[in-house]
């Protein structure tokens, strides 16, 4: 009976959730849930029995998130999340996490509590609906790159002639590398694909569909790679390859990769500790924007996706086709 059942502490319940074999999480998703787990345990206590979690406990987590500093663990390694949050509340000039980041962490906690309800460890989810007001409307979070930014990006030494494709990518020279750093921003601009989708492309994902060369954005691999993930089922799609990418030599680059026995189109991307190619590339791209004097507020690699959508609208492409191309 419930009365005789041993009380399961929060830390053990959360460990079972993270290790649940029925969940097929990507490395980045697992890392996000791990961050939420550490926060919940730090605020509520590892020994709190799972069935005792109340609305008050969940509000307490939200209160800590309200003023939690960005990179709190690195900035204040000796402070608990609650102490770091209190310091940021009392002291001006400490940058705190955005409402959308706080809400993402609350959403992860809520998913864990939903799991606990399904596993009959809890009667109901006490975190349901708890979130901070977010003044930035969803569509306003990211902006497309403006003309000056695009000019700076694609006139950088990497595209006009640089010392080399590694550390010398931003110094003027005679080299014209055709590597991941060269191709991925161009593919982002001409396909609107997500960074993760581009970074994980297999060589066999460049293929002809009814005679048209296309990118196959798919989780299925024709050559046995097992590192591919898609955001949703609707993300599985084919995107015709723009003539400009063909002029730049993308098809011959792919043929070379195929001849040399490569599985991935961009095996030269560093892989982050969480086994994610896109995380490492995103960090490099932020440095590249800074070095190219193209960095602005609310723009990042995802801005190419907005540029692509804007161009589809300007060309009066049917909305349903635009949605399919964007996945």
Protein backbone atom coordinates (compact mmCIF):
# COMPACT_ATOMS: atom_id res chain seq x y z
CA UNK A 1 0.00 0.00 0.00
CA UNK A 2 0.95 3.69 -0.29
CA UNK A 3 1.39 3.86 3.49
CA UNK A 4 4.03 1.11 3.57
CA UNK A 5 5.79 2.08 0.35
CA UNK A 6 9.24 3.66 1.07
CA UNK A 7 9.32 7.40 0.38
CA UNK A 8 11.32 8.10 -2.80
CA UNK A 9 13.65 11.12 -2.49
CA UNK A 10 13.61 13.78 -5.23
CA UNK A 11 17.20 13.01 -6.29
CA UNK A 12 16.44 9.30 -6.86
CA UNK A 13 13.16 10.02 -8.72
CA UNK A 14 14.95 12.52 -10.99
CA UNK A 15 17.74 10.01 -11.66
CA UNK A 16 15.15 7.42 -12.75
CA UNK A 17 13.57 10.01 -15.05
CA UNK A 18 16.88 10.98 -16.69
CA UNK A 19 17.82 7.29 -17.12
CA UNK A 20 14.39 6.18 -18.37
CA UNK A 21 15.21 3.98 -21.41
CA UNK A 22 11.92 4.88 -23.15
CA UNK A 23 13.20 8.42 -23.77
CA UNK A 24 15.18 9.00 -26.96
CA UNK A 25 16.81 12.31 -26.08
CA UNK A 26 19.46 14.07 -28.16
CA UNK A 27 22.66 14.97 -26.24
CA UNK A 28 21.63 18.66 -26.09
CA UNK A 29 18.15 17.81 -24.73
CA UNK A 30 19.68 15.50 -22.12
CA UNK A 31 22.06 18.31 -21.09
CA UNK A 32 19.11 20.74 -20.72
CA UNK A 33 17.22 18.27 -18.48
CA UNK A 34 20.40 17.68 -16.48
CA UNK A 35 20.66 21.46 -15.84
CA UNK A 36 17.03 21.53 -14.64
CA UNK A 37 17.66 18.51 -12.40
CA UNK A 38 20.64 20.15 -10.68
CA UNK A 39 18.67 23.36 -10.14
CA UNK A 40 15.57 21.60 -8.71
CA UNK A 41 17.69 19.52 -6.31
CA UNK A 42 19.75 22.56 -5.22
CA UNK A 43 16.58 24.57 -4.45
CA UNK A 44 14.21 21.90 -3.10
CA UNK A 45 16.75 19.54 -1.52
CA UNK A 46 17.80 16.09 -2.68
CA UNK A 47 16.01 14.28 0.17
CA UNK A 48 12.58 15.90 -0.28
CA UNK A 49 10.16 12.98 -0.81
CA UNK A 50 8.76 13.17 -4.35
CA UNK A 51 5.13 12.91 -3.13
CA UNK A 52 5.69 15.95 -0.86
CA UNK A 53 6.49 18.39 -3.71
CA UNK A 54 3.97 21.22 -3.47
CA UNK A 55 3.00 24.30 -5.45
CA UNK A 56 5.04 26.27 -2.89
CA UNK A 57 8.20 24.29 -3.70
CA UNK A 58 7.71 24.96 -7.43
CA UNK A 59 7.07 28.68 -6.84
CA UNK A 60 10.28 28.72 -4.83
CA UNK A 61 12.21 27.41 -7.88
CA UNK A 62 10.57 30.11 -10.04
CA UNK A 63 11.55 32.80 -7.50
CA UNK A 64 15.19 31.66 -7.67
CA UNK A 65 15.04 31.73 -11.50
CA UNK A 66 13.64 35.27 -11.49
CA UNK A 67 17.08 36.72 -10.62
CA UNK A 68 19.42 33.83 -11.44
CA UNK A 69 22.66 35.24 -12.97
CA UNK A 70 23.75 34.10 -16.43
CA UNK A 71 26.46 31.43 -16.09
CA UNK A 72 25.87 31.44 -12.32
CA UNK A 73 27.99 28.31 -11.71
CA UNK A 74 31.03 29.90 -13.42
CA UNK A 75 30.54 33.41 -12.00
CA UNK A 76 29.74 32.33 -8.43
CA UNK A 77 31.13 28.78 -8.04
CA UNK A 78 30.88 28.90 -4.25
CA UNK A 79 27.27 30.12 -4.12
CA UNK A 80 24.15 27.97 -4.34
CA UNK A 81 21.60 29.01 -7.03
CA UNK A 82 19.47 30.61 -4.27
CA UNK A 83 22.45 32.64 -2.96
CA UNK A 84 23.52 33.66 -6.47
CA UNK A 85 19.96 34.78 -7.24
CA UNK A 86 19.81 36.79 -4.01
CA UNK A 87 23.11 38.48 -4.83
CA UNK A 88 21.87 39.50 -8.30
CA UNK A 89 18.66 40.81 -6.69
CA UNK A 90 20.62 42.93 -4.19
CA UNK A 91 23.41 44.08 -6.50
CA UNK A 92 23.03 46.05 -9.74
CA UNK A 93 25.06 45.19 -12.85
CA UNK A 94 24.78 41.38 -12.69
CA UNK A 95 23.24 40.06 -15.91
CA UNK A 96 20.40 37.61 -15.22
CA UNK A 97 18.96 34.89 -17.43
CA UNK A 98 16.13 35.85 -19.79
CA UNK A 99 12.48 35.05 -19.00
CA UNK A 100 12.46 32.58 -21.92
CA UNK A 101 15.45 30.70 -20.43
CA UNK A 102 13.81 30.68 -17.00
CA UNK A 103 10.57 29.38 -18.55
CA UNK A 104 12.46 26.65 -20.45
CA UNK A 105 13.95 25.44 -17.14
CA UNK A 106 10.48 25.50 -15.51
CA UNK A 107 9.05 23.62 -18.48
CA UNK A 108 11.71 20.90 -18.06
CA UNK A 109 10.86 20.62 -14.36
CA UNK A 110 7.17 20.36 -15.29
CA UNK A 111 7.94 17.54 -17.77
CA UNK A 112 9.69 15.63 -15.00
CA UNK A 113 6.68 16.10 -12.69
CA UNK A 114 4.31 14.93 -15.47
CA UNK A 115 6.45 11.79 -15.73
CA UNK A 116 6.19 11.35 -11.93
CA UNK A 117 2.36 11.58 -12.20
CA UNK A 118 2.37 8.94 -14.98
CA UNK A 119 4.62 6.70 -12.85
CA UNK A 120 2.12 7.11 -9.95
CA UNK A 121 4.72 8.81 -7.75
CA UNK A 122 2.64 12.03 -7.56
CA UNK A 123 -1.10 12.70 -7.72
CA UNK A 124 -0.82 15.87 -9.84
CA UNK A 125 1.79 18.22 -11.34
CA UNK A 126 2.25 21.17 -8.92
CA UNK A 127 4.34 23.18 -11.45
CA UNK A 128 1.63 23.35 -14.11
CA UNK A 129 1.34 26.82 -15.66
CA UNK A 130 4.10 28.42 -13.55
CA UNK A 131 6.14 30.77 -15.73
CA UNK A 132 7.55 34.31 -15.87
CA UNK A 133 5.94 36.93 -18.11
CA UNK A 134 8.06 37.28 -21.28
CA UNK A 135 7.79 40.75 -22.81
CA UNK A 136 9.55 39.70 -26.02
CA UNK A 137 6.99 38.19 -28.38
CA UNK A 138 8.13 34.90 -29.89
CA UNK A 139 8.46 36.24 -33.43
CA UNK A 140 10.58 39.16 -32.19
CA UNK A 141 13.26 37.07 -30.49
CA UNK A 142 15.48 36.74 -33.57
CA UNK A 143 15.92 39.13 -36.46
CA UNK A 144 17.11 38.41 -40.01
CA UNK A 145 20.58 39.68 -40.92
CA UNK A 146 20.37 43.11 -42.59
CA UNK A 147 22.13 43.91 -45.89
CA UNK A 148 25.23 45.33 -44.19
CA UNK A 149 25.63 42.22 -42.04
CA UNK A 150 25.27 39.88 -45.05
CA UNK A 151 27.81 41.99 -46.96
CA UNK A 152 30.27 41.79 -44.06
CA UNK A 153 29.77 38.03 -43.63
CA UNK A 154 30.22 37.06 -47.28
CA UNK A 155 33.01 39.58 -48.01
CA UNK A 156 35.06 38.30 -45.06
CA UNK A 157 38.52 36.82 -45.89
CA UNK A 158 37.02 33.32 -45.52
CA UNK A 159 35.03 34.02 -48.71
CA UNK A 160 37.44 36.39 -50.51
CA UNK A 161 40.82 34.82 -49.73
CA UNK A 162 42.32 34.04 -46.33
CA UNK A 163 45.55 32.68 -44.83
CA UNK A 164 43.94 29.26 -44.20
CA UNK A 165 40.63 27.66 -43.20
CA UNK A 166 41.70 27.09 -39.59
CA UNK A 167 43.07 29.89 -37.37
CA UNK A 168 43.83 32.15 -40.30
CA UNK A 169 40.24 32.26 -41.58
CA UNK A 170 39.92 35.96 -40.81
CA UNK A 171 43.30 37.18 -42.13
CA UNK A 172 43.58 38.20 -45.79
CA UNK A 173 45.54 35.67 -47.85
CA UNK A 174 45.52 33.51 -50.97
CA UNK A 175 43.76 30.41 -49.64
CA UNK A 176 40.17 29.60 -50.66
CA UNK A 177 39.19 26.79 -48.28
CA UNK A 178 36.10 24.75 -49.06
CA UNK A 179 35.38 23.43 -45.59
CA UNK A 180 32.46 23.39 -43.13
CA UNK A 181 33.13 27.02 -42.15
CA UNK A 182 32.81 28.09 -45.80
CA UNK A 183 29.76 25.99 -46.72
CA UNK A 184 27.50 26.00 -43.66
CA UNK A 185 26.65 29.77 -43.59
CA UNK A 186 25.99 29.67 -47.37
CA UNK A 187 23.71 26.64 -47.00
CA UNK A 188 21.93 28.39 -44.10
CA UNK A 189 21.27 31.43 -46.30
CA UNK A 190 20.04 29.48 -49.33
CA UNK A 191 17.96 26.82 -47.54
CA UNK A 192 16.75 28.33 -44.25
CA UNK A 193 17.67 24.99 -42.64
CA UNK A 194 18.45 24.82 -38.93
CA UNK A 195 22.12 24.72 -37.93
CA UNK A 196 21.78 21.23 -36.45
CA UNK A 197 20.18 19.94 -39.66
CA UNK A 198 23.08 21.22 -41.78
CA UNK A 199 25.88 20.08 -39.44
CA UNK A 200 24.62 16.49 -39.37
CA UNK A 201 24.28 16.04 -43.17
CA UNK A 202 25.63 12.77 -44.55
CA UNK A 203 27.36 12.72 -47.94
CA UNK A 204 24.36 10.65 -49.15
CA UNK A 205 21.96 13.43 -48.10
CA UNK A 206 22.94 15.34 -51.26
CA UNK A 207 20.83 13.47 -53.80
CA UNK A 208 18.64 13.88 -56.88
CA UNK A 209 14.87 13.86 -56.38
CA UNK A 210 13.04 13.56 -59.72
CA UNK A 211 16.13 14.91 -61.45
CA UNK A 212 16.57 17.91 -59.11
CA UNK A 213 19.63 18.04 -56.81
CA UNK A 214 18.35 18.37 -53.23
CA UNK A 215 19.35 18.36 -49.59
CA UNK A 216 17.56 15.46 -47.86
CA UNK A 217 16.85 16.69 -44.33
CA UNK A 218 16.09 13.38 -42.66
CA UNK A 219 16.87 11.30 -39.60
CA UNK A 220 17.22 8.17 -41.75
CA UNK A 221 20.77 7.47 -42.87
CA UNK A 222 21.70 5.63 -46.07
CA UNK A 223 25.22 4.93 -44.83
CA UNK A 224 24.70 3.87 -41.23
CA UNK A 225 25.47 7.08 -39.31
CA UNK A 226 23.47 7.18 -36.07
CA UNK A 227 23.99 10.78 -34.93
CA UNK A 228 21.06 12.40 -36.75
CA UNK A 229 18.12 14.08 -35.01
CA UNK A 230 15.20 16.19 -36.24
CA UNK A 231 13.22 18.74 -34.26
CA UNK A 232 9.80 17.32 -35.27
CA UNK A 233 8.30 14.81 -37.69
CA UNK A 234 7.45 17.71 -40.04
CA UNK A 235 11.16 18.53 -40.28
CA UNK A 236 11.75 15.56 -42.64
CA UNK A 237 11.89 17.15 -46.11
CA UNK A 238 13.82 17.71 -49.34
CA UNK A 239 15.12 21.21 -50.20
CA UNK A 240 16.22 21.92 -53.79
CA UNK A 241 19.86 23.05 -53.96
CA UNK A 242 20.07 26.70 -55.07
CA UNK A 243 21.98 27.32 -58.35
CA UNK A 244 24.37 29.67 -56.50
CA UNK A 245 25.49 26.79 -54.24
CA UNK A 246 26.05 24.65 -57.35
CA UNK A 247 28.07 27.48 -58.96
CA UNK A 248 30.18 27.65 -55.79
CA UNK A 249 31.04 23.97 -56.28
CA UNK A 250 28.87 22.20 -53.69
CA UNK A 251 28.15 19.17 -55.90
CA UNK A 252 31.82 18.66 -56.80
CA UNK A 253 32.75 19.13 -53.11
CA UNK A 254 30.23 16.37 -52.25
CA UNK A 255 31.63 14.07 -54.97
CA UNK A 256 35.15 14.56 -53.56
CA UNK A 257 33.94 13.67 -50.05
CA UNK A 258 32.22 10.58 -51.45
CA UNK A 259 35.36 9.49 -53.35
CA UNK A 260 37.50 9.87 -50.24
CA UNK A 261 35.17 7.49 -48.37
CA UNK A 262 33.71 10.08 -45.96
CA UNK A 263 30.32 9.41 -44.32
CA UNK A 264 29.60 12.95 -43.10
CA UNK A 265 29.55 15.94 -45.43
CA UNK A 266 31.27 18.07 -42.76
CA UNK A 267 33.45 15.72 -40.70
CA UNK A 268 35.83 18.65 -40.04
CA UNK A 269 33.42 20.21 -37.50
CA UNK A 270 34.62 19.83 -33.93
CA UNK A 271 32.28 17.76 -31.77
CA UNK A 272 31.35 19.27 -28.40
CA UNK A 273 31.59 17.30 -25.11
CA UNK A 274 27.84 16.52 -25.52
CA UNK A 275 28.54 14.95 -28.96
CA UNK A 276 26.80 17.85 -30.72
CA UNK A 277 28.33 19.22 -33.91
CA UNK A 278 26.09 22.30 -33.98
CA UNK A 279 27.10 23.54 -30.48
CA UNK A 280 30.79 23.71 -31.46
CA UNK A 281 30.00 25.32 -34.82
CA UNK A 282 27.66 27.88 -33.22
CA UNK A 283 30.47 29.03 -30.89
CA UNK A 284 32.82 29.46 -33.85
CA UNK A 285 30.15 31.32 -35.85
CA UNK A 286 29.66 33.83 -33.01
CA UNK A 287 33.42 34.57 -33.12
CA UNK A 288 33.24 34.83 -36.92
CA UNK A 289 30.40 37.40 -36.73
CA UNK A 290 32.44 39.45 -34.26
CA UNK A 291 35.59 39.25 -36.41
CA UNK A 292 33.60 40.18 -39.54
CA UNK A 293 31.96 43.17 -37.79
CA UNK A 294 28.57 41.59 -38.47
CA UNK A 295 27.52 41.00 -34.87
CA UNK A 296 24.32 42.81 -33.79
CA UNK A 297 21.72 42.35 -31.05
CA UNK A 298 19.20 39.54 -31.64
CA UNK A 299 21.01 38.04 -34.64
CA UNK A 300 22.79 34.67 -34.77
CA UNK A 301 23.00 31.71 -37.17
CA UNK A 302 19.21 31.25 -36.86
CA UNK A 303 18.85 34.67 -38.55
CA UNK A 304 19.60 33.00 -41.91
CA UNK A 305 16.32 31.12 -41.40
CA UNK A 306 14.50 34.44 -41.10
CA UNK A 307 16.27 35.81 -44.20
CA UNK A 308 15.13 32.73 -46.14
CA UNK A 309 11.51 33.11 -45.00
CA UNK A 310 11.53 36.82 -45.86
CA UNK A 311 12.80 36.03 -49.38
CA UNK A 312 10.08 33.40 -49.85
CA UNK A 313 7.47 35.98 -48.83
CA UNK A 314 8.97 38.60 -51.16
CA UNK A 315 8.86 36.07 -54.03
CA UNK A 316 5.18 35.36 -53.15
CA UNK A 317 5.86 31.66 -52.68
CA UNK A 318 2.71 29.82 -51.60
CA UNK A 319 2.53 29.67 -47.77
CA UNK A 320 2.13 25.86 -47.69
CA UNK A 321 5.25 25.39 -49.85
CA UNK A 322 7.19 27.82 -47.62
CA UNK A 323 6.13 25.82 -44.53
CA UNK A 324 7.27 22.53 -46.13
CA UNK A 325 10.64 24.01 -47.20
CA UNK A 326 11.18 25.32 -43.67
CA UNK A 327 10.17 22.05 -42.01
